[in-house]
Amino acid sequence: MKYRETRHYTEEEILLHVFAEEDPSAGKEVSAHLEKCAQCSAVWLEFRSLRERVSAWTVPEVPESVRKAREAELIDQFRRDQLGMPKEGLVVALVRSLQTVWNYAVDNPLPAMGYVAVGIAFASERTITMFHLDRILPATDQVLEILRRIF
């Protein structure tokens, strides 16, 4: 009798199973495999636990007075920083900042790749909606309003 090797599922396939986003027939196969395979089952449990923990995140409400005070402090700090900088404009300041980031990425490619991967994951619409990150991330219109007030 021939020994049949067990096909282990990839992390991506297991993650799809955690979110029940795979084809129903594939879901049944993965479920059956998880009952027999401790290795894949451990990955599934880890992903499920992570999903539950992230879903349980809460962000405390910040009183409007505190938010406005922090906003004013940020704007004042930015204006003070601008006084010390040569009057080269926002574009030059952004280019300098991006050059620093680029230099770091060239010198440290592995951590930089990790940051890029995290950024891509959190930029994904599915990730934002699935983990309800839209409740955690600041509203874009508030950020734009702060920038309008600065300039």
Protein backbone atom coordinates (compact mmCIF):
# COMPACT_ATOMS: atom_id res chain seq x y z
CA MET A 1 0.00 0.00 0.00
CA LYS A 2 1.38 3.38 -1.02
CA TYR A 3 1.79 6.14 1.54
CA ARG A 4 -0.07 9.26 0.50
CA GLU A 5 1.50 12.52 1.62
CA THR A 6 -0.76 14.98 3.33
CA ARG A 7 -1.04 18.31 1.56
CA HIS A 8 -0.71 21.10 4.07
CA TYR A 9 -2.61 24.28 3.36
CA THR A 10 -0.82 27.59 2.90
CA GLU A 11 -1.28 30.40 5.40
CA GLU A 12 -3.28 32.29 2.77
CA GLU A 13 -5.69 29.37 2.34
CA ILE A 14 -6.06 29.00 6.10
CA LEU A 15 -6.64 32.75 6.47
CA LEU A 16 -9.38 32.59 3.84
CA HIS A 17 -10.91 29.78 5.88
CA VAL A 18 -10.77 31.88 9.06
CA PHE A 19 -12.83 34.55 7.29
CA ALA A 20 -14.99 31.93 5.48
CA GLU A 21 -14.14 33.52 2.14
CA GLU A 22 -13.22 30.36 0.23
CA ASP A 23 -15.46 28.25 -1.99
CA PRO A 24 -17.87 26.20 0.19
CA SER A 25 -16.48 22.89 -1.10
CA ALA A 26 -12.94 24.05 -0.39
CA GLY A 27 -14.09 25.11 3.07
CA LYS A 28 -15.29 21.59 3.80
CA GLU A 29 -11.96 20.16 2.66
CA VAL A 30 -10.01 22.60 4.83
CA SER A 31 -12.23 21.87 7.84
CA ALA A 32 -11.70 18.14 7.40
CA HIS A 33 -7.96 18.65 7.07
CA LEU A 34 -7.81 20.84 10.18
CA GLU A 35 -9.41 18.07 12.24
CA LYS A 36 -6.58 15.70 11.28
CA CYS A 37 -3.57 18.01 10.95
CA ALA A 38 -2.16 19.55 14.13
CA GLN A 39 0.26 21.76 12.18
CA CYS A 40 -2.41 23.47 10.02
CA SER A 41 -4.83 23.52 12.95
CA ALA A 42 -2.29 25.46 15.03
CA VAL A 43 -1.98 28.08 12.28
CA TRP A 44 -5.79 28.29 12.03
CA LEU A 45 -6.12 28.76 15.80
CA GLU A 46 -3.47 31.49 15.78
CA PHE A 47 -5.21 33.37 12.94
CA ARG A 48 -8.63 32.97 14.56
CA SER A 49 -7.27 34.24 17.88
CA LEU A 50 -5.67 37.23 16.14
CA ARG A 51 -8.93 38.05 14.36
CA GLU A 52 -10.85 37.88 17.64
CA ARG A 53 -8.32 40.10 19.44
CA VAL A 54 -8.28 42.72 16.69
CA SER A 55 -12.07 42.68 16.48
CA ALA A 56 -12.19 43.37 20.22
CA TRP A 57 -10.05 46.51 19.95
CA THR A 58 -11.71 49.62 21.21
CA VAL A 59 -10.67 53.20 20.97
CA PRO A 60 -11.66 55.42 23.87
CA GLU A 61 -13.60 58.51 22.95
CA VAL A 62 -11.55 61.68 23.19
CA PRO A 63 -13.52 64.67 24.45
CA GLU A 64 -13.93 67.40 21.87
CA SER A 65 -12.08 69.91 24.07
CA VAL A 66 -9.05 67.62 24.35
CA ARG A 67 -9.07 66.91 20.60
CA LYS A 68 -9.22 70.62 19.76
CA ALA A 69 -6.42 71.39 22.26
CA ARG A 70 -4.19 68.70 20.73
CA GLU A 71 -5.02 69.93 17.24
CA ALA A 72 -4.09 73.51 18.17
CA GLU A 73 -0.87 72.30 19.79
CA LEU A 74 0.03 70.36 16.64
CA ILE A 75 -0.61 73.37 14.42
CA ASP A 76 1.43 75.66 16.70
CA GLN A 77 4.31 73.18 16.78
CA PHE A 78 4.26 72.88 12.99
CA ARG A 79 4.30 76.66 12.60
CA ARG A 80 7.23 76.98 15.04
CA ASP A 81 9.10 74.30 13.12
CA GLN A 82 8.43 76.15 9.86
CA LEU A 83 9.97 79.34 11.27
CA GLY A 84 13.26 77.51 11.84
CA MET A 85 13.33 76.01 8.35
CA PRO A 86 14.48 77.82 5.25
CA LYS A 87 11.55 79.08 3.20
CA GLU A 88 11.84 76.37 0.56
CA GLY A 89 8.23 75.24 0.61
CA LEU A 90 6.29 72.14 1.45
CA VAL A 91 7.46 70.15 -1.55
CA VAL A 92 11.12 70.48 -0.58
CA ALA A 93 10.32 69.45 3.01
CA LEU A 94 8.39 66.41 1.76
CA VAL A 95 11.21 65.44 -0.60
CA ARG A 96 13.70 65.62 2.28
CA SER A 97 11.45 63.43 4.42
CA LEU A 98 11.01 60.91 1.63
CA GLN A 99 14.77 60.91 0.96
CA THR A 100 15.38 59.98 4.61
CA VAL A 101 12.85 57.15 4.34
CA TRP A 102 14.41 55.98 1.06
CA ASN A 103 17.91 55.97 2.56
CA TYR A 104 16.67 53.90 5.51
CA ALA A 105 14.97 51.43 3.14
CA VAL A 106 18.16 51.02 1.09
CA ASP A 107 20.29 50.50 4.20
CA ASN A 108 17.75 48.20 5.95
CA PRO A 109 15.80 46.33 3.24
CA LEU A 110 14.22 43.64 5.43
CA PRO A 111 12.61 45.93 8.02
CA ALA A 112 11.57 48.27 5.22
CA MET A 113 9.86 45.38 3.42
CA GLY A 114 8.06 44.57 6.66
CA TYR A 115 6.82 48.15 6.93
CA VAL A 116 5.66 48.05 3.31
CA ALA A 117 3.85 44.76 3.90
CA VAL A 118 2.11 46.14 6.98
CA GLY A 119 1.17 49.29 5.08
CA ILE A 120 -0.30 47.29 2.22
CA ALA A 121 -2.23 45.06 4.61
CA PHE A 122 -3.73 48.01 6.45
CA ALA A 123 -4.47 49.84 3.23
CA SER A 124 -6.57 46.98 1.95
CA GLU A 125 -10.24 47.85 1.99
CA ARG A 126 -11.13 44.33 3.06
CA THR A 127 -8.75 44.56 6.01
CA ILE A 128 -10.16 47.90 7.07
CA THR A 129 -13.74 46.73 6.94
CA MET A 130 -13.13 43.25 8.34
CA PHE A 131 -11.25 44.48 11.40
CA HIS A 132 -13.37 47.65 11.68
CA LEU A 133 -10.23 49.77 11.40
CA ASP A 134 -12.36 52.60 10.08
CA ARG A 135 -13.37 53.13 13.71
CA ILE A 136 -9.72 53.31 14.78
CA LEU A 137 -8.13 55.33 11.95
CA PRO A 138 -8.56 59.10 12.09
CA ALA A 139 -11.07 60.57 9.69
CA THR A 140 -9.44 61.79 6.51
CA ASP A 141 -11.52 64.96 6.44
CA GLN A 142 -10.16 65.96 9.87
CA VAL A 143 -6.57 65.54 8.65
CA LEU A 144 -7.30 67.62 5.55
CA GLU A 145 -8.94 70.31 7.69
CA ILE A 146 -5.83 70.51 9.88
CA LEU A 147 -3.65 70.86 6.78
CA ARG A 148 -5.91 73.60 5.42
CA ARG A 149 -5.62 75.52 8.69
CA ILE A 150 -1.82 75.24 8.66
CA PHE A 151 -1.48 76.64 5.18
